[in-house]
Amino acid sequence: MITNLLHLAWDVGCICHLADLTVKAGMKTLPVDVDQLFIDVSYFFFHSSKRKQHFADNWRSLFFCEPHTILKHCTYVHMTSAQ
């Protein structure tokens, strides 16, 4: 029975890889650099405790839950082993 249905099955590959490719393609079509936008937003909040508090208060009133933590941007550094 399964062999009769095999012609109906499609192998689309890894869904995570397809999602990654889709997001990357979508980001290329945007008029702004999304990575830089996130960096700018994180620094906007990082340097002002008043902005952080305003964000937290507004988040609670909109979504009725605790706000997410805004982490400071950290550049990725690839460390290679010295030989």
PDB file of N, CA and C in Angstrom:
ATOM      1  N   MET A   1       0.811  -1.195   0.000  1.00  0.00           N
ATOM      2  CA  MET A   1       0.000   0.000   0.000  1.00  0.00           C
ATOM      3  C   MET A   1       0.863   1.271   0.000  1.00  0.00           C
ATOM      4  N   ILE A   2       1.922   1.249   0.806  1.00  0.00           N
ATOM      5  CA  ILE A   2       2.795   2.426   0.871  1.00  0.00           C
ATOM      6  C   ILE A   2       3.498   2.656  -0.461  1.00  0.00           C
ATOM      7  N   THR A   3       3.895   1.594  -1.115  1.00  0.00           N
ATOM      8  CA  THR A   3       4.570   1.763  -2.402  1.00  0.00           C
ATOM      9  C   THR A   3       3.643   2.383  -3.445  1.00  0.00           C
ATOM     10  N   ASN A   4       2.362   2.177  -3.309  1.00  0.00           N
ATOM     11  CA  ASN A   4       1.406   2.800  -4.230  1.00  0.00           C
ATOM     12  C   ASN A   4       1.292   4.300  -3.976  1.00  0.00           C
ATOM     13  N   LEU A   5       1.534   4.728  -2.718  1.00  0.00           N
ATOM     14  CA  LEU A   5       1.421   6.145  -2.373  1.00  0.00           C
ATOM     15  C   LEU A   5       2.743   6.900  -2.512  1.00  0.00           C
ATOM     16  N   LEU A   6       3.853   6.186  -2.740  1.00  0.00           N
ATOM     17  CA  LEU A   6       5.155   6.834  -2.798  1.00  0.00           C
ATOM     18  C   LEU A   6       5.250   7.896  -3.889  1.00  0.00           C
ATOM     19  N   HIS A   7       4.579   7.715  -4.972  1.00  0.00           N
ATOM     20  CA  HIS A   7       4.637   8.695  -6.053  1.00  0.00           C
ATOM     21  C   HIS A   7       3.983  10.022  -5.640  1.00  0.00           C
ATOM     22  N   LEU A   8       3.191  10.018  -4.559  1.00  0.00           N
ATOM     23  CA  LEU A   8       2.555  11.236  -4.072  1.00  0.00           C
ATOM     24  C   LEU A   8       3.451  12.010  -3.100  1.00  0.00           C
ATOM     25  N   ALA A   9       4.499  11.368  -2.587  1.00  0.00           N
ATOM     26  CA  ALA A   9       5.383  12.008  -1.600  1.00  0.00           C
ATOM     27  C   ALA A   9       6.441  12.856  -2.301  1.00  0.00           C
ATOM     28  N   TRP A  10       6.725  14.000  -1.702  1.00  0.00           N
ATOM     29  CA  TRP A  10       7.756  14.893  -2.228  1.00  0.00           C
ATOM     30  C   TRP A  10       8.836  15.054  -1.185  1.00  0.00           C
ATOM     31  N   ASP A  11      10.053  15.101  -1.628  1.00  0.00           N
ATOM     32  CA  ASP A  11      11.166  15.382  -0.716  1.00  0.00           C
ATOM     33  C   ASP A  11      11.533  16.845  -0.916  1.00  0.00           C
ATOM     34  N   VAL A  12      11.201  17.677   0.064  1.00  0.00           N
ATOM     35  CA  VAL A  12      11.458  19.109  -0.058  1.00  0.00           C
ATOM     36  C   VAL A  12      12.736  19.528   0.660  1.00  0.00           C
ATOM     37  N   GLY A  13      13.409  18.600   1.300  1.00  0.00           N
ATOM     38  CA  GLY A  13      14.643  18.926   1.991  1.00  0.00           C
ATOM     39  C   GLY A  13      14.381  19.375   3.421  1.00  0.00           C
ATOM     40  N   CYS A  14      15.410  19.899   4.022  1.00  0.00           N
ATOM     41  CA  CYS A  14      15.337  20.329   5.423  1.00  0.00           C
ATOM     42  C   CYS A  14      14.529  21.624   5.527  1.00  0.00           C
ATOM     43  N   ILE A  15      13.491  21.605   6.346  1.00  0.00           N
ATOM     44  CA  ILE A  15      12.622  22.772   6.472  1.00  0.00           C
ATOM     45  C   ILE A  15      13.363  23.957   7.090  1.00  0.00           C
ATOM     46  N   CYS A  16      14.312  23.688   7.983  1.00  0.00           N
ATOM     47  CA  CYS A  16      15.096  24.773   8.588  1.00  0.00           C
ATOM     48  C   CYS A  16      15.970  25.456   7.540  1.00  0.00           C
ATOM     49  N   HIS A  17      16.576  24.672   6.669  1.00  0.00           N
ATOM     50  CA  HIS A  17      17.412  25.230   5.601  1.00  0.00           C
ATOM     51  C   HIS A  17      16.557  26.048   4.637  1.00  0.00           C
ATOM     52  N   LEU A  18      15.385  25.542   4.305  1.00  0.00           N
ATOM     53  CA  LEU A  18      14.495  26.287   3.413  1.00  0.00           C
ATOM     54  C   LEU A  18      14.028  27.593   4.047  1.00  0.00           C
ATOM     55  N   ALA A  19      13.740  27.565   5.354  1.00  0.00           N
ATOM     56  CA  ALA A  19      13.329  28.790   6.052  1.00  0.00           C
ATOM     57  C   ALA A  19      14.475  29.798   6.069  1.00  0.00           C
ATOM     58  N   ASP A  20      15.698  29.322   6.309  1.00  0.00           N
ATOM     59  CA  ASP A  20      16.865  30.200   6.311  1.00  0.00           C
ATOM     60  C   ASP A  20      17.060  30.853   4.941  1.00  0.00           C
ATOM     61  N   LEU A  21      16.957  30.078   3.893  1.00  0.00           N
ATOM     62  CA  LEU A  21      17.117  30.623   2.539  1.00  0.00           C
ATOM     63  C   LEU A  21      16.016  31.634   2.217  1.00  0.00           C
ATOM     64  N   THR A  22      14.804  31.361   2.667  1.00  0.00           N
ATOM     65  CA  THR A  22      13.679  32.263   2.417  1.00  0.00           C
ATOM     66  C   THR A  22      13.875  33.595   3.126  1.00  0.00           C
ATOM     67  N   VAL A  23      14.291  33.540   4.387  1.00  0.00           N
ATOM     68  CA  VAL A  23      14.516  34.779   5.155  1.00  0.00           C
ATOM     69  C   VAL A  23      15.658  35.583   4.546  1.00  0.00           C
ATOM     70  N   LYS A  24      16.739  34.933   4.164  1.00  0.00           N
ATOM     71  CA  LYS A  24      17.876  35.644   3.560  1.00  0.00           C
ATOM     72  C   LYS A  24      17.465  36.312   2.244  1.00  0.00           C
ATOM     73  N   ALA A  25      16.689  35.622   1.441  1.00  0.00           N
ATOM     74  CA  ALA A  25      16.229  36.200   0.176  1.00  0.00           C
ATOM     75  C   ALA A  25      15.307  37.383   0.438  1.00  0.00           C
ATOM     76  N   GLY A  26      14.439  37.259   1.441  1.00  0.00           N
ATOM     77  CA  GLY A  26      13.550  38.357   1.786  1.00  0.00           C
ATOM     78  C   GLY A  26      14.307  39.565   2.312  1.00  0.00           C
ATOM     79  N   MET A  27      15.346  39.324   3.117  1.00  0.00           N
ATOM     80  CA  MET A  27      16.141  40.430   3.667  1.00  0.00           C
ATOM     81  C   MET A  27      16.862  41.205   2.566  1.00  0.00           C
ATOM     82  N   LYS A  28      17.260  40.502   1.509  1.00  0.00           N
ATOM     83  CA  LYS A  28      17.961  41.177   0.403  1.00  0.00           C
ATOM     84  C   LYS A  28      17.045  42.138  -0.342  1.00  0.00           C
ATOM     85  N   THR A  29      15.744  41.878  -0.320  1.00  0.00           N
ATOM     86  CA  THR A  29      14.814  42.732  -1.052  1.00  0.00           C
ATOM     87  C   THR A  29      14.378  43.956  -0.257  1.00  0.00           C
ATOM     88  N   LEU A  30      14.652  43.975   1.053  1.00  0.00           N
ATOM     89  CA  LEU A  30      14.264  45.120   1.875  1.00  0.00           C
ATOM     90  C   LEU A  30      15.147  46.322   1.589  1.00  0.00           C
ATOM     91  N   PRO A  31      14.618  47.539   1.709  1.00  0.00           N
ATOM     92  CA  PRO A  31      15.407  48.730   1.428  1.00  0.00           C
ATOM     93  C   PRO A  31      16.375  49.104   2.554  1.00  0.00           C
ATOM     94  N   VAL A  32      16.335  48.399   3.686  1.00  0.00           N
ATOM     95  CA  VAL A  32      17.240  48.692   4.798  1.00  0.00           C
ATOM     96  C   VAL A  32      18.036  47.447   5.147  1.00  0.00           C
ATOM     97  N   ASP A  33      19.189  47.663   5.783  1.00  0.00           N
ATOM     98  CA  ASP A  33      20.008  46.563   6.266  1.00  0.00           C
ATOM     99  C   ASP A  33      19.435  46.128   7.613  1.00  0.00           C
ATOM    100  N   VAL A  34      18.815  44.958   7.665  1.00  0.00           N
ATOM    101  CA  VAL A  34      18.121  44.499   8.861  1.00  0.00           C
ATOM    102  C   VAL A  34      19.097  44.311  10.016  1.00  0.00           C
ATOM    103  N   ASP A  35      20.271  43.770   9.757  1.00  0.00           N
ATOM    104  CA  ASP A  35      21.261  43.593  10.816  1.00  0.00           C
ATOM    105  C   ASP A  35      21.613  44.929  11.460  1.00  0.00           C
ATOM    106  N   GLN A  36      21.857  45.936  10.642  1.00  0.00           N
ATOM    107  CA  GLN A  36      22.202  47.258  11.171  1.00  0.00           C
ATOM    108  C   GLN A  36      21.015  47.870  11.914  1.00  0.00           C
ATOM    109  N   LEU A  37      19.816  47.618  11.457  1.00  0.00           N
ATOM    110  CA  LEU A  37      18.625  48.125  12.143  1.00  0.00           C
ATOM    111  C   LEU A  37      18.538  47.573  13.565  1.00  0.00           C
ATOM    112  N   PHE A  38      18.775  46.265  13.740  1.00  0.00           N
ATOM    113  CA  PHE A  38      18.746  45.677  15.076  1.00  0.00           C
ATOM    114  C   PHE A  38      19.855  46.236  15.960  1.00  0.00           C
ATOM    115  N   ILE A  39      21.020  46.462  15.393  1.00  0.00           N
ATOM    116  CA  ILE A  39      22.123  47.049  16.155  1.00  0.00           C
ATOM    117  C   ILE A  39      21.752  48.452  16.609  1.00  0.00           C
ATOM    118  N   ASP A  40      21.191  49.251  15.705  1.00  0.00           N
ATOM    119  CA  ASP A  40      20.798  50.621  16.049  1.00  0.00           C
ATOM    120  C   ASP A  40      19.726  50.648  17.137  1.00  0.00           C
ATOM    121  N   VAL A  41      18.755  49.752  17.046  1.00  0.00           N
ATOM    122  CA  VAL A  41      17.689  49.701  18.048  1.00  0.00           C
ATOM    123  C   VAL A  41      18.256  49.302  19.409  1.00  0.00           C
ATOM    124  N   SER A  42      19.142  48.316  19.432  1.00  0.00           N
ATOM    125  CA  SER A  42      19.700  47.887  20.713  1.00  0.00           C
ATOM    126  C   SER A  42      20.519  48.999  21.355  1.00  0.00           C
ATOM    127  N   TYR A  43      21.301  49.750  20.575  1.00  0.00           N
ATOM    128  CA  TYR A  43      22.067  50.865  21.142  1.00  0.00           C
ATOM    129  C   TYR A  43      21.171  52.023  21.554  1.00  0.00           C
ATOM    130  N   PHE A  44      20.055  52.224  20.874  1.00  0.00           N
ATOM    131  CA  PHE A  44      19.110  53.276  21.248  1.00  0.00           C
ATOM    132  C   PHE A  44      18.597  53.049  22.670  1.00  0.00           C
ATOM    133  N   PHE A  45      18.286  51.787  22.994  1.00  0.00           N
ATOM    134  CA  PHE A  45      17.797  51.481  24.334  1.00  0.00           C
ATOM    135  C   PHE A  45      18.933  51.339  25.343  1.00  0.00           C
ATOM    136  N   PHE A  46      20.076  50.871  24.903  1.00  0.00           N
ATOM    137  CA  PHE A  46      21.180  50.568  25.817  1.00  0.00           C
ATOM    138  C   PHE A  46      21.673  51.800  26.570  1.00  0.00           C
ATOM    139  N   HIS A  47      21.655  52.949  25.939  1.00  0.00           N
ATOM    140  CA  HIS A  47      22.238  54.152  26.526  1.00  0.00           C
ATOM    141  C   HIS A  47      21.244  55.000  27.320  1.00  0.00           C
ATOM    142  N   SER A  48      20.044  54.512  27.565  1.00  0.00           N
ATOM    143  CA  SER A  48      19.071  55.324  28.299  1.00  0.00           C
ATOM    144  C   SER A  48      18.171  54.441  29.158  1.00  0.00           C
ATOM    145  N   SER A  49      18.298  54.587  30.484  1.00  0.00           N
ATOM    146  CA  SER A  49      17.438  53.806  31.372  1.00  0.00           C
ATOM    147  C   SER A  49      15.990  54.279  31.261  1.00  0.00           C
ATOM    148  N   LYS A  50      15.787  55.569  30.923  1.00  0.00           N
ATOM    149  CA  LYS A  50      14.422  56.086  30.748  1.00  0.00           C
ATOM    150  C   LYS A  50      13.741  55.409  29.553  1.00  0.00           C
ATOM    151  N   ARG A  51      14.485  55.220  28.452  1.00  0.00           N
ATOM    152  CA  ARG A  51      13.930  54.537  27.281  1.00  0.00           C
ATOM    153  C   ARG A  51      13.614  53.079  27.598  1.00  0.00           C
ATOM    154  N   LYS A  52      14.494  52.430  28.357  1.00  0.00           N
ATOM    155  CA  LYS A  52      14.250  51.042  28.741  1.00  0.00           C
ATOM    156  C   LYS A  52      12.967  50.926  29.557  1.00  0.00           C
ATOM    157  N   GLN A  53      12.784  51.842  30.506  1.00  0.00           N
ATOM    158  CA  GLN A  53      11.583  51.809  31.345  1.00  0.00           C
ATOM    159  C   GLN A  53      10.329  52.092  30.521  1.00  0.00           C
ATOM    160  N   HIS A  54      10.423  53.045  29.608  1.00  0.00           N
ATOM    161  CA  HIS A  54       9.298  53.370  28.730  1.00  0.00           C
ATOM    162  C   HIS A  54       8.926  52.153  27.874  1.00  0.00           C
ATOM    163  N   PHE A  55       9.922  51.467  27.349  1.00  0.00           N
ATOM    164  CA  PHE A  55       9.698  50.250  26.562  1.00  0.00           C
ATOM    165  C   PHE A  55       8.982  49.195  27.411  1.00  0.00           C
ATOM    166  N   ALA A  56       9.482  48.972  28.629  1.00  0.00           N
ATOM    167  CA  ALA A  56       8.900  47.952  29.504  1.00  0.00           C
ATOM    168  C   ALA A  56       7.448  48.281  29.848  1.00  0.00           C
ATOM    169  N   ASP A  57       7.175  49.547  30.172  1.00  0.00           N
ATOM    170  CA  ASP A  57       5.807  49.938  30.519  1.00  0.00           C
ATOM    171  C   ASP A  57       4.854  49.769  29.345  1.00  0.00           C
ATOM    172  N   ASN A  58       5.272  50.205  28.178  1.00  0.00           N
ATOM    173  CA  ASN A  58       4.418  50.090  26.986  1.00  0.00           C
ATOM    174  C   ASN A  58       4.232  48.640  26.562  1.00  0.00           C
ATOM    175  N   TRP A  59       5.258  47.835  26.716  1.00  0.00           N
ATOM    176  CA  TRP A  59       5.156  46.418  26.363  1.00  0.00           C
ATOM    177  C   TRP A  59       4.077  45.749  27.209  1.00  0.00           C
ATOM    178  N   ARG A  60       4.103  46.027  28.513  1.00  0.00           N
ATOM    179  CA  ARG A  60       3.129  45.414  29.419  1.00  0.00           C
ATOM    180  C   ARG A  60       1.702  45.823  29.062  1.00  0.00           C
ATOM    181  N   SER A  61       1.512  47.089  28.709  1.00  0.00           N
ATOM    182  CA  SER A  61       0.160  47.560  28.401  1.00  0.00           C
ATOM    183  C   SER A  61      -0.352  47.023  27.062  1.00  0.00           C
ATOM    184  N   LEU A  62       0.545  46.735  26.129  1.00  0.00           N
ATOM    185  CA  LEU A  62       0.127  46.218  24.822  1.00  0.00           C
ATOM    186  C   LEU A  62      -0.083  44.709  24.811  1.00  0.00           C
ATOM    187  N   PHE A  63       0.829  43.984  25.448  1.00  0.00           N
ATOM    188  CA  PHE A  63       0.826  42.526  25.306  1.00  0.00           C
ATOM    189  C   PHE A  63       0.486  41.776  26.584  1.00  0.00           C
ATOM    190  N   PHE A  64       0.300  42.474  27.702  1.00  0.00           N
ATOM    191  CA  PHE A  64      -0.090  41.856  28.970  1.00  0.00           C
ATOM    192  C   PHE A  64       0.862  40.750  29.403  1.00  0.00           C
ATOM    193  N   CYS A  65       2.150  40.966  29.201  1.00  0.00           N
ATOM    194  CA  CYS A  65       3.159  40.023  29.669  1.00  0.00           C
ATOM    195  C   CYS A  65       4.451  40.797  29.917  1.00  0.00           C
ATOM    196  N   GLU A  66       5.416  40.118  30.483  1.00  0.00           N
ATOM    197  CA  GLU A  66       6.689  40.771  30.772  1.00  0.00           C
ATOM    198  C   GLU A  66       7.458  41.039  29.466  1.00  0.00           C
ATOM    199  N   PRO A  67       8.153  42.175  29.393  1.00  0.00           N
ATOM    200  CA  PRO A  67       8.915  42.479  28.169  1.00  0.00           C
ATOM    201  C   PRO A  67      10.142  41.591  28.050  1.00  0.00           C
ATOM    202  N   HIS A  68      10.577  41.426  26.827  1.00  0.00           N
ATOM    203  CA  HIS A  68      11.800  40.682  26.561  1.00  0.00           C
ATOM    204  C   HIS A  68      13.003  41.547  26.913  1.00  0.00           C
ATOM    205  N   THR A  69      14.090  40.921  27.215  1.00  0.00           N
ATOM    206  CA  THR A  69      15.322  41.645  27.501  1.00  0.00           C
ATOM    207  C   THR A  69      15.967  42.058  26.184  1.00  0.00           C
ATOM    208  N   ILE A  70      16.379  43.309  26.104  1.00  0.00           N
ATOM    209  CA  ILE A  70      17.087  43.782  24.922  1.00  0.00           C
ATOM    210  C   ILE A  70      18.573  43.623  25.200  1.00  0.00           C
ATOM    211  N   LEU A  71      19.206  42.741  24.461  1.00  0.00           N
ATOM    212  CA  LEU A  71      20.612  42.462  24.690  1.00  0.00           C
ATOM    213  C   LEU A  71      21.486  43.426  23.911  1.00  0.00           C
ATOM    214  N   LYS A  72      22.644  43.705  24.456  1.00  0.00           N
ATOM    215  CA  LYS A  72      23.608  44.561  23.766  1.00  0.00           C
ATOM    216  C   LYS A  72      24.165  43.796  22.569  1.00  0.00           C
ATOM    217  N   HIS A  73      24.380  44.512  21.489  1.00  0.00           N
ATOM    218  CA  HIS A  73      24.914  43.898  20.275  1.00  0.00           C
ATOM    219  C   HIS A  73      26.340  43.422  20.521  1.00  0.00           C
ATOM    220  N   CYS A  74      26.655  42.256  20.022  1.00  0.00           N
ATOM    221  CA  CYS A  74      28.007  41.714  20.127  1.00  0.00           C
ATOM    222  C   CYS A  74      28.387  41.189  18.754  1.00  0.00           C
ATOM    223  N   THR A  75      29.491  41.664  18.234  1.00  0.00           N
ATOM    224  CA  THR A  75      29.912  41.183  16.914  1.00  0.00           C
ATOM    225  C   THR A  75      30.426  39.752  17.040  1.00  0.00           C
ATOM    226  N   TYR A  76      30.215  39.003  16.020  1.00  0.00           N
ATOM    227  CA  TYR A  76      30.657  37.614  16.002  1.00  0.00           C
ATOM    228  C   TYR A  76      32.121  37.583  15.638  1.00  0.00           C
ATOM    229  N   VAL A  77      32.896  36.906  16.474  1.00  0.00           N
ATOM    230  CA  VAL A  77      34.317  36.756  16.217  1.00  0.00           C
ATOM    231  C   VAL A  77      34.612  35.273  16.130  1.00  0.00           C
ATOM    232  N   HIS A  78      35.153  34.854  15.025  1.00  0.00           N
ATOM    233  CA  HIS A  78      35.488  33.440  14.846  1.00  0.00           C
ATOM    234  C   HIS A  78      36.915  33.232  15.316  1.00  0.00           C
ATOM    235  N   MET A  79      37.052  32.419  16.328  1.00  0.00           N
ATOM    236  CA  MET A  79      38.395  32.139  16.872  1.00  0.00           C
ATOM    237  C   MET A  79      38.924  30.869  16.225  1.00  0.00           C
ATOM    238  N   THR A  80      40.091  30.958  15.653  1.00  0.00           N
ATOM    239  CA  THR A  80      40.725  29.770  15.098  1.00  0.00           C
ATOM    240  C   THR A  80      41.838  29.345  16.027  1.00  0.00           C
ATOM    241  N   SER A  81      42.109  28.078  16.050  1.00  0.00           N
ATOM    242  CA  SER A  81      43.165  27.581  16.928  1.00  0.00           C
ATOM    243  C   SER A  81      44.522  27.885  16.320  1.00  0.00           C
ATOM    244  N   ALA A  82      45.407  28.377  17.161  1.00  0.00           N
ATOM    245  CA  ALA A  82      46.777  28.686  16.710  1.00  0.00           C
ATOM    246  C   ALA A  82      47.575  27.395  16.694  1.00  0.00           C
ATOM    247  N   GLN A  83      48.211  27.141  15.576  1.00  0.00           N
ATOM    248  CA  GLN A  83      48.991  25.904  15.467  1.00  0.00           C
ATOM    249  C   GLN A  83      50.422  26.214  15.176  1.00  0.00           C
TER     250      GLN A  83
END
